[in-house]
Amino acid sequence: EATAKPLLQYIQQKNKWAQSVMNYIHWEAHGKALRRRPEKRTHMTKLLHEMLPTTAQANKFDRGTRCCPLCPSQTEDRDHILCCDYL
């Protein structure tokens, strides 16, 4: 509870979200989802904050041209992982 407000402010500033976006998120459901699967908490948090080790992330660091390992898509980012037709 004591850290909730500063954490929400940090998330809002980091993502450059308007207050309307913050109000749109069901934070209670978000917290329940993370608590329900503690063994997947790190993975889900990285997924939500676009911090998974995707080819898009790797290409940023070494200016590579990696593609999705499952399909010919040039951009394997979080959204592609969730929607790839080959999964």
PDB file of N, CA and C in Angstrom:
ATOM      1  N   GLU A   1       0.815  -1.202   0.000  1.00  0.00           N
ATOM      2  CA  GLU A   1       0.000   0.000   0.000  1.00  0.00           C
ATOM      3  C   GLU A   1       0.859   1.266   0.000  1.00  0.00           C
ATOM      4  N   ALA A   2       1.870   1.295   0.859  1.00  0.00           N
ATOM      5  CA  ALA A   2       2.691   2.509   0.995  1.00  0.00           C
ATOM      6  C   ALA A   2       3.452   2.822  -0.283  1.00  0.00           C
ATOM      7  N   THR A   3       3.779   1.789  -1.058  1.00  0.00           N
ATOM      8  CA  THR A   3       4.553   2.017  -2.282  1.00  0.00           C
ATOM      9  C   THR A   3       3.681   2.087  -3.527  1.00  0.00           C
ATOM     10  N   ALA A   4       2.387   1.836  -3.397  1.00  0.00           N
ATOM     11  CA  ALA A   4       1.508   1.769  -4.567  1.00  0.00           C
ATOM     12  C   ALA A   4       1.482   3.075  -5.354  1.00  0.00           C
ATOM     13  N   LYS A   5       1.277   4.192  -4.679  1.00  0.00           N
ATOM     14  CA  LYS A   5       1.171   5.467  -5.392  1.00  0.00           C
ATOM     15  C   LYS A   5       2.473   5.849  -6.095  1.00  0.00           C
ATOM     16  N   PRO A   6       3.622   5.782  -5.421  1.00  0.00           N
ATOM     17  CA  PRO A   6       4.876   6.098  -6.138  1.00  0.00           C
ATOM     18  C   PRO A   6       5.143   5.146  -7.312  1.00  0.00           C
ATOM     19  N   LEU A   7       4.780   3.882  -7.143  1.00  0.00           N
ATOM     20  CA  LEU A   7       4.989   2.920  -8.224  1.00  0.00           C
ATOM     21  C   LEU A   7       4.104   3.253  -9.419  1.00  0.00           C
ATOM     22  N   LEU A   8       2.855   3.577  -9.175  1.00  0.00           N
ATOM     23  CA  LEU A   8       1.953   3.945 -10.266  1.00  0.00           C
ATOM     24  C   LEU A   8       2.424   5.222 -10.960  1.00  0.00           C
ATOM     25  N   GLN A   9       2.932   6.171 -10.195  1.00  0.00           N
ATOM     26  CA  GLN A   9       3.469   7.401 -10.787  1.00  0.00           C
ATOM     27  C   GLN A   9       4.676   7.092 -11.668  1.00  0.00           C
ATOM     28  N   TYR A  10       5.540   6.195 -11.181  1.00  0.00           N
ATOM     29  CA  TYR A  10       6.713   5.799 -11.958  1.00  0.00           C
ATOM     30  C   TYR A  10       6.287   5.143 -13.275  1.00  0.00           C
ATOM     31  N   ILE A  11       5.331   4.216 -13.205  1.00  0.00           N
ATOM     32  CA  ILE A  11       4.849   3.529 -14.407  1.00  0.00           C
ATOM     33  C   ILE A  11       4.258   4.532 -15.397  1.00  0.00           C
ATOM     34  N   GLN A  12       3.490   5.482 -14.890  1.00  0.00           N
ATOM     35  CA  GLN A  12       2.875   6.489 -15.750  1.00  0.00           C
ATOM     36  C   GLN A  12       3.939   7.346 -16.430  1.00  0.00           C
ATOM     37  N   GLN A  13       4.925   7.799 -15.685  1.00  0.00           N
ATOM     38  CA  GLN A  13       5.971   8.646 -16.256  1.00  0.00           C
ATOM     39  C   GLN A  13       6.842   7.866 -17.239  1.00  0.00           C
ATOM     40  N   LYS A  14       7.219   6.643 -16.870  1.00  0.00           N
ATOM     41  CA  LYS A  14       8.089   5.829 -17.720  1.00  0.00           C
ATOM     42  C   LYS A  14       7.448   5.576 -19.086  1.00  0.00           C
ATOM     43  N   ASN A  15       6.150   5.306 -19.088  1.00  0.00           N
ATOM     44  CA  ASN A  15       5.455   4.982 -20.332  1.00  0.00           C
ATOM     45  C   ASN A  15       4.827   6.196 -21.014  1.00  0.00           C
ATOM     46  N   LYS A  16       4.952   7.361 -20.371  1.00  0.00           N
ATOM     47  CA  LYS A  16       4.375   8.604 -20.907  1.00  0.00           C
ATOM     48  C   LYS A  16       2.877   8.440 -21.167  1.00  0.00           C
ATOM     49  N   TRP A  17       2.187   7.876 -20.164  1.00  0.00           N
ATOM     50  CA  TRP A  17       0.755   7.644 -20.256  1.00  0.00           C
ATOM     51  C   TRP A  17      -0.010   8.791 -19.626  1.00  0.00           C
ATOM     52  N   ALA A  18      -1.127   9.135 -20.215  1.00  0.00           N
ATOM     53  CA  ALA A  18      -2.045  10.113 -19.628  1.00  0.00           C
ATOM     54  C   ALA A  18      -2.763   9.444 -18.449  1.00  0.00           C
ATOM     55  N   GLN A  19      -3.335  10.260 -17.593  1.00  0.00           N
ATOM     56  CA  GLN A  19      -4.079   9.719 -16.458  1.00  0.00           C
ATOM     57  C   GLN A  19      -5.234   8.840 -16.928  1.00  0.00           C
ATOM     58  N   SER A  20      -5.812   9.163 -18.081  1.00  0.00           N
ATOM     59  CA  SER A  20      -6.921   8.352 -18.607  1.00  0.00           C
ATOM     60  C   SER A  20      -6.476   6.915 -18.897  1.00  0.00           C
ATOM     61  N   VAL A  21      -5.236   6.727 -19.345  1.00  0.00           N
ATOM     62  CA  VAL A  21      -4.707   5.387 -19.578  1.00  0.00           C
ATOM     63  C   VAL A  21      -4.546   4.662 -18.246  1.00  0.00           C
ATOM     64  N   MET A  22      -4.013   5.351 -17.269  1.00  0.00           N
ATOM     65  CA  MET A  22      -3.838   4.750 -15.944  1.00  0.00           C
ATOM     66  C   MET A  22      -5.182   4.332 -15.358  1.00  0.00           C
ATOM     67  N   ASN A  23      -6.205   5.150 -15.570  1.00  0.00           N
ATOM     68  CA  ASN A  23      -7.535   4.838 -15.048  1.00  0.00           C
ATOM     69  C   ASN A  23      -8.170   3.662 -15.788  1.00  0.00           C
ATOM     70  N   TYR A  24      -7.763   3.443 -17.024  1.00  0.00           N
ATOM     71  CA  TYR A  24      -8.308   2.367 -17.848  1.00  0.00           C
ATOM     72  C   TYR A  24      -7.822   0.994 -17.384  1.00  0.00           C
ATOM     73  N   ILE A  25      -6.644   0.936 -16.785  1.00  0.00           N
ATOM     74  CA  ILE A  25      -6.040  -0.332 -16.355  1.00  0.00           C
ATOM     75  C   ILE A  25      -6.706  -0.811 -15.079  1.00  0.00           C
ATOM     76  N   HIS A  26      -7.066  -2.067 -15.061  1.00  0.00           N
ATOM     77  CA  HIS A  26      -7.679  -2.668 -13.872  1.00  0.00           C
ATOM     78  C   HIS A  26      -6.533  -3.182 -12.985  1.00  0.00           C
ATOM     79  N   TRP A  27      -6.024  -2.314 -12.125  1.00  0.00           N
ATOM     80  CA  TRP A  27      -4.836  -2.627 -11.330  1.00  0.00           C
ATOM     81  C   TRP A  27      -5.050  -3.781 -10.370  1.00  0.00           C
ATOM     82  N   GLU A  28      -6.251  -3.922  -9.848  1.00  0.00           N
ATOM     83  CA  GLU A  28      -6.526  -5.036  -8.926  1.00  0.00           C
ATOM     84  C   GLU A  28      -6.408  -6.373  -9.665  1.00  0.00           C
ATOM     85  N   ALA A  29      -6.961  -6.443 -10.862  1.00  0.00           N
ATOM     86  CA  ALA A  29      -6.856  -7.665 -11.660  1.00  0.00           C
ATOM     87  C   ALA A  29      -5.402  -7.937 -12.044  1.00  0.00           C
ATOM     88  N   HIS A  30      -4.696  -6.884 -12.365  1.00  0.00           N
ATOM     89  CA  HIS A  30      -3.271  -7.012 -12.705  1.00  0.00           C
ATOM     90  C   HIS A  30      -2.501  -7.638 -11.536  1.00  0.00           C
ATOM     91  N   GLY A  31      -2.727  -7.121 -10.339  1.00  0.00           N
ATOM     92  CA  GLY A  31      -2.057  -7.657  -9.155  1.00  0.00           C
ATOM     93  C   GLY A  31      -2.440  -9.092  -8.867  1.00  0.00           C
ATOM     94  N   LYS A  32      -3.724  -9.412  -9.011  1.00  0.00           N
ATOM     95  CA  LYS A  32      -4.181 -10.787  -8.780  1.00  0.00           C
ATOM     96  C   LYS A  32      -3.544 -11.755  -9.768  1.00  0.00           C
ATOM     97  N   ALA A  33      -3.429 -11.332 -11.021  1.00  0.00           N
ATOM     98  CA  ALA A  33      -2.811 -12.193 -12.033  1.00  0.00           C
ATOM     99  C   ALA A  33      -1.359 -12.491 -11.682  1.00  0.00           C
ATOM    100  N   LEU A  34      -0.634 -11.488 -11.230  1.00  0.00           N
ATOM    101  CA  LEU A  34       0.768 -11.701 -10.861  1.00  0.00           C
ATOM    102  C   LEU A  34       0.897 -12.574  -9.615  1.00  0.00           C
ATOM    103  N   ARG A  35      -0.011 -12.396  -8.660  1.00  0.00           N
ATOM    104  CA  ARG A  35       0.046 -13.199  -7.433  1.00  0.00           C
ATOM    105  C   ARG A  35      -0.421 -14.638  -7.648  1.00  0.00           C
ATOM    106  N   ARG A  36      -1.261 -14.843  -8.631  1.00  0.00           N
ATOM    107  CA  ARG A  36      -1.816 -16.171  -8.861  1.00  0.00           C
ATOM    108  C   ARG A  36      -0.769 -17.159  -9.366  1.00  0.00           C
ATOM    109  N   ARG A  37       0.181 -16.685 -10.123  1.00  0.00           N
ATOM    110  CA  ARG A  37       1.232 -17.550 -10.676  1.00  0.00           C
ATOM    111  C   ARG A  37       2.599 -17.012 -10.280  1.00  0.00           C
ATOM    112  N   PRO A  38       2.975 -17.151  -9.005  1.00  0.00           N
ATOM    113  CA  PRO A  38       4.245 -16.561  -8.556  1.00  0.00           C
ATOM    114  C   PRO A  38       5.462 -17.082  -9.319  1.00  0.00           C
ATOM    115  N   GLU A  39       5.387 -18.319  -9.809  1.00  0.00           N
ATOM    116  CA  GLU A  39       6.529 -18.872 -10.547  1.00  0.00           C
ATOM    117  C   GLU A  39       6.685 -18.213 -11.921  1.00  0.00           C
ATOM    118  N   LYS A  40       5.649 -17.538 -12.407  1.00  0.00           N
ATOM    119  CA  LYS A  40       5.694 -16.854 -13.709  1.00  0.00           C
ATOM    120  C   LYS A  40       5.726 -15.337 -13.567  1.00  0.00           C
ATOM    121  N   ARG A  41       5.847 -14.846 -12.341  1.00  0.00           N
ATOM    122  CA  ARG A  41       5.771 -13.404 -12.106  1.00  0.00           C
ATOM    123  C   ARG A  41       6.826 -12.624 -12.891  1.00  0.00           C
ATOM    124  N   THR A  42       8.051 -13.086 -12.875  1.00  0.00           N
ATOM    125  CA  THR A  42       9.124 -12.390 -13.589  1.00  0.00           C
ATOM    126  C   THR A  42       8.838 -12.365 -15.087  1.00  0.00           C
ATOM    127  N   HIS A  43       8.443 -13.493 -15.627  1.00  0.00           N
ATOM    128  CA  HIS A  43       8.157 -13.568 -17.064  1.00  0.00           C
ATOM    129  C   HIS A  43       6.994 -12.658 -17.429  1.00  0.00           C
ATOM    130  N   MET A  44       5.913 -12.692 -16.650  1.00  0.00           N
ATOM    131  CA  MET A  44       4.753 -11.848 -16.954  1.00  0.00           C
ATOM    132  C   MET A  44       5.086 -10.367 -16.822  1.00  0.00           C
ATOM    133  N   THR A  45       5.886 -10.010 -15.829  1.00  0.00           N
ATOM    134  CA  THR A  45       6.274  -8.614 -15.655  1.00  0.00           C
ATOM    135  C   THR A  45       7.111  -8.144 -16.843  1.00  0.00           C
ATOM    136  N   LYS A  46       8.048  -8.969 -17.278  1.00  0.00           N
ATOM    137  CA  LYS A  46       8.856  -8.614 -18.441  1.00  0.00           C
ATOM    138  C   LYS A  46       7.999  -8.516 -19.695  1.00  0.00           C
ATOM    139  N   LEU A  47       7.030  -9.396 -19.829  1.00  0.00           N
ATOM    140  CA  LEU A  47       6.123  -9.344 -20.973  1.00  0.00           C
ATOM    141  C   LEU A  47       5.339  -8.037 -20.972  1.00  0.00           C
ATOM    142  N   LEU A  48       4.770  -7.685 -19.836  1.00  0.00           N
ATOM    143  CA  LEU A  48       3.956  -6.479 -19.738  1.00  0.00           C
ATOM    144  C   LEU A  48       4.741  -5.203 -19.995  1.00  0.00           C
ATOM    145  N   HIS A  49       6.005  -5.195 -19.606  1.00  0.00           N
ATOM    146  CA  HIS A  49       6.824  -3.982 -19.736  1.00  0.00           C
ATOM    147  C   HIS A  49       7.784  -4.050 -20.921  1.00  0.00           C
ATOM    148  N   GLU A  50       7.494  -4.963 -21.850  1.00  0.00           N
ATOM    149  CA  GLU A  50       8.298  -5.113 -23.066  1.00  0.00           C
ATOM    150  C   GLU A  50       9.789  -5.256 -22.775  1.00  0.00           C
ATOM    151  N   MET A  51      10.092  -6.147 -21.855  1.00  0.00           N
ATOM    152  CA  MET A  51      11.484  -6.379 -21.476  1.00  0.00           C
ATOM    153  C   MET A  51      11.925  -7.815 -21.761  1.00  0.00           C
ATOM    154  N   LEU A  52      11.117  -8.572 -22.488  1.00  0.00           N
ATOM    155  CA  LEU A  52      11.508  -9.933 -22.840  1.00  0.00           C
ATOM    156  C   LEU A  52      12.677  -9.893 -23.815  1.00  0.00           C
ATOM    157  N   PRO A  53      13.517 -10.915 -23.791  1.00  0.00           N
ATOM    158  CA  PRO A  53      14.659 -10.936 -24.716  1.00  0.00           C
ATOM    159  C   PRO A  53      14.217 -11.332 -26.127  1.00  0.00           C
ATOM    160  N   THR A  54      13.537 -10.423 -26.799  1.00  0.00           N
ATOM    161  CA  THR A  54      13.066 -10.661 -28.162  1.00  0.00           C
ATOM    162  C   THR A  54      14.150 -10.277 -29.160  1.00  0.00           C
ATOM    163  N   THR A  55      13.941 -10.651 -30.402  1.00  0.00           N
ATOM    164  CA  THR A  55      14.920 -10.252 -31.418  1.00  0.00           C
ATOM    165  C   THR A  55      14.905  -8.737 -31.600  1.00  0.00           C
ATOM    166  N   ALA A  56      13.738  -8.104 -31.399  1.00  0.00           N
ATOM    167  CA  ALA A  56      13.678  -6.641 -31.508  1.00  0.00           C
ATOM    168  C   ALA A  56      14.582  -6.002 -30.452  1.00  0.00           C
ATOM    169  N   GLN A  57      14.574  -6.541 -29.244  1.00  0.00           N
ATOM    170  CA  GLN A  57      15.449  -6.024 -28.183  1.00  0.00           C
ATOM    171  C   GLN A  57      16.913  -6.262 -28.540  1.00  0.00           C
ATOM    172  N   ALA A  58      17.228  -7.463 -28.989  1.00  0.00           N
ATOM    173  CA  ALA A  58      18.617  -7.787 -29.340  1.00  0.00           C
ATOM    174  C   ALA A  58      19.109  -6.904 -30.482  1.00  0.00           C
ATOM    175  N   ASN A  59      18.255  -6.659 -31.463  1.00  0.00           N
ATOM    176  CA  ASN A  59      18.649  -5.824 -32.596  1.00  0.00           C
ATOM    177  C   ASN A  59      18.940  -4.388 -32.179  1.00  0.00           C
ATOM    178  N   LYS A  60      18.283  -3.908 -31.141  1.00  0.00           N
ATOM    179  CA  LYS A  60      18.557  -2.555 -30.644  1.00  0.00           C
ATOM    180  C   LYS A  60      19.983  -2.437 -30.127  1.00  0.00           C
ATOM    181  N   PHE A  61      20.455  -3.494 -29.479  1.00  0.00           N
ATOM    182  CA  PHE A  61      21.764  -3.427 -28.837  1.00  0.00           C
ATOM    183  C   PHE A  61      22.920  -3.643 -29.796  1.00  0.00           C
ATOM    184  N   ASP A  62      22.746  -4.500 -30.783  1.00  0.00           N
ATOM    185  CA  ASP A  62      23.886  -4.754 -31.670  1.00  0.00           C
ATOM    186  C   ASP A  62      23.606  -4.399 -33.132  1.00  0.00           C
ATOM    187  N   ARG A  63      22.505  -3.676 -33.355  1.00  0.00           N
ATOM    188  CA  ARG A  63      22.114  -3.235 -34.702  1.00  0.00           C
ATOM    189  C   ARG A  63      22.015  -4.396 -35.680  1.00  0.00           C
ATOM    190  N   GLY A  64      21.568  -5.532 -35.146  1.00  0.00           N
ATOM    191  CA  GLY A  64      21.404  -6.724 -35.972  1.00  0.00           C
ATOM    192  C   GLY A  64      20.131  -6.677 -36.786  1.00  0.00           C
ATOM    193  N   THR A  65      19.924  -7.717 -37.558  1.00  0.00           N
ATOM    194  CA  THR A  65      18.732  -7.813 -38.395  1.00  0.00           C
ATOM    195  C   THR A  65      18.058  -9.167 -38.192  1.00  0.00           C
ATOM    196  N   ARG A  66      17.959  -9.578 -36.944  1.00  0.00           N
ATOM    197  CA  ARG A  66      17.326 -10.859 -36.645  1.00  0.00           C
ATOM    198  C   ARG A  66      15.837 -10.805 -36.948  1.00  0.00           C
ATOM    199  N   CYS A  67      15.283 -11.960 -37.301  1.00  0.00           N
ATOM    200  CA  CYS A  67      13.856 -12.094 -37.555  1.00  0.00           C
ATOM    201  C   CYS A  67      13.255 -13.026 -36.510  1.00  0.00           C
ATOM    202  N   CYS A  68      11.939 -13.107 -36.507  1.00  0.00           N
ATOM    203  CA  CYS A  68      11.240 -14.049 -35.640  1.00  0.00           C
ATOM    204  C   CYS A  68      11.742 -15.452 -35.961  1.00  0.00           C
ATOM    205  N   PRO A  69      12.057 -16.261 -34.947  1.00  0.00           N
ATOM    206  CA  PRO A  69      12.561 -17.612 -35.225  1.00  0.00           C
ATOM    207  C   PRO A  69      11.502 -18.560 -35.782  1.00  0.00           C
ATOM    208  N   LEU A  70      10.230 -18.162 -35.731  1.00  0.00           N
ATOM    209  CA  LEU A  70       9.165 -19.039 -36.206  1.00  0.00           C
ATOM    210  C   LEU A  70       8.572 -18.640 -37.542  1.00  0.00           C
ATOM    211  N   CYS A  71       8.724 -17.374 -37.914  1.00  0.00           N
ATOM    212  CA  CYS A  71       8.124 -16.889 -39.153  1.00  0.00           C
ATOM    213  C   CYS A  71       9.051 -15.848 -39.782  1.00  0.00           C
ATOM    214  N   PRO A  72       8.741 -15.397 -40.981  1.00  0.00           N
ATOM    215  CA  PRO A  72       9.629 -14.437 -41.642  1.00  0.00           C
ATOM    216  C   PRO A  72       9.495 -12.987 -41.171  1.00  0.00           C
ATOM    217  N   SER A  73       8.742 -12.732 -40.130  1.00  0.00           N
ATOM    218  CA  SER A  73       8.547 -11.358 -39.665  1.00  0.00           C
ATOM    219  C   SER A  73       9.871 -10.717 -39.267  1.00  0.00           C
ATOM    220  N   GLN A  74      10.060  -9.488 -39.690  1.00  0.00           N
ATOM    221  CA  GLN A  74      11.278  -8.739 -39.371  1.00  0.00           C
ATOM    222  C   GLN A  74      11.239  -8.174 -37.952  1.00  0.00           C
ATOM    223  N   THR A  75      10.061  -8.152 -37.350  1.00  0.00           N
ATOM    224  CA  THR A  75       9.917  -7.565 -36.020  1.00  0.00           C
ATOM    225  C   THR A  75       9.329  -8.579 -35.054  1.00  0.00           C
ATOM    226  N   GLU A  76      10.164  -9.122 -34.191  1.00  0.00           N
ATOM    227  CA  GLU A  76       9.675 -10.014 -33.150  1.00  0.00           C
ATOM    228  C   GLU A  76       9.712  -9.233 -31.845  1.00  0.00           C
ATOM    229  N   ASP A  77       8.595  -8.561 -31.546  1.00  0.00           N
ATOM    230  CA  ASP A  77       8.474  -7.821 -30.300  1.00  0.00           C
ATOM    231  C   ASP A  77       7.358  -8.450 -29.468  1.00  0.00           C
ATOM    232  N   ARG A  78       6.984  -7.805 -28.376  1.00  0.00           N
ATOM    233  CA  ARG A  78       5.964  -8.357 -27.493  1.00  0.00           C
ATOM    234  C   ARG A  78       4.658  -8.626 -28.233  1.00  0.00           C
ATOM    235  N   ASP A  79       4.208  -7.661 -29.008  1.00  0.00           N
ATOM    236  CA  ASP A  79       2.935  -7.823 -29.704  1.00  0.00           C
ATOM    237  C   ASP A  79       3.003  -8.962 -30.727  1.00  0.00           C
ATOM    238  N   HIS A  80       4.133  -9.089 -31.397  1.00  0.00           N
ATOM    239  CA  HIS A  80       4.293 -10.175 -32.365  1.00  0.00           C
ATOM    240  C   HIS A  80       4.266 -11.532 -31.660  1.00  0.00           C
ATOM    241  N   ILE A  81       4.922 -11.635 -30.510  1.00  0.00           N
ATOM    242  CA  ILE A  81       4.920 -12.888 -29.756  1.00  0.00           C
ATOM    243  C   ILE A  81       3.490 -13.307 -29.417  1.00  0.00           C
ATOM    244  N   LEU A  82       2.651 -12.355 -29.065  1.00  0.00           N
ATOM    245  CA  LEU A  82       1.271 -12.668 -28.696  1.00  0.00           C
ATOM    246  C   LEU A  82       0.403 -12.989 -29.898  1.00  0.00           C
ATOM    247  N   CYS A  83       0.782 -12.526 -31.086  1.00  0.00           N
ATOM    248  CA  CYS A  83      -0.086 -12.675 -32.263  1.00  0.00           C
ATOM    249  C   CYS A  83       0.525 -13.485 -33.410  1.00  0.00           C
ATOM    250  N   CYS A  84       1.724 -13.990 -33.249  1.00  0.00           N
ATOM    251  CA  CYS A  84       2.395 -14.711 -34.347  1.00  0.00           C
ATOM    252  C   CYS A  84       1.518 -15.868 -34.830  1.00  0.00           C
ATOM    253  N   ASP A  85       1.294 -15.944 -36.129  1.00  0.00           N
ATOM    254  CA  ASP A  85       0.454 -16.999 -36.704  1.00  0.00           C
ATOM    255  C   ASP A  85       1.087 -18.380 -36.589  1.00  0.00           C
ATOM    256  N   TYR A  86       2.379 -18.434 -36.337  1.00  0.00           N
ATOM    257  CA  TYR A  86       3.077 -19.709 -36.291  1.00  0.00           C
ATOM    258  C   TYR A  86       3.164 -20.319 -34.895  1.00  0.00           C
ATOM    259  N   LEU A  87       2.594 -19.651 -33.897  1.00  0.00           N
ATOM    260  CA  LEU A  87       2.604 -20.188 -32.523  1.00  0.00           C
ATOM    261  C   LEU A  87       1.474 -21.156 -32.327  1.00  0.00           C
TER     262      LEU A  87
END
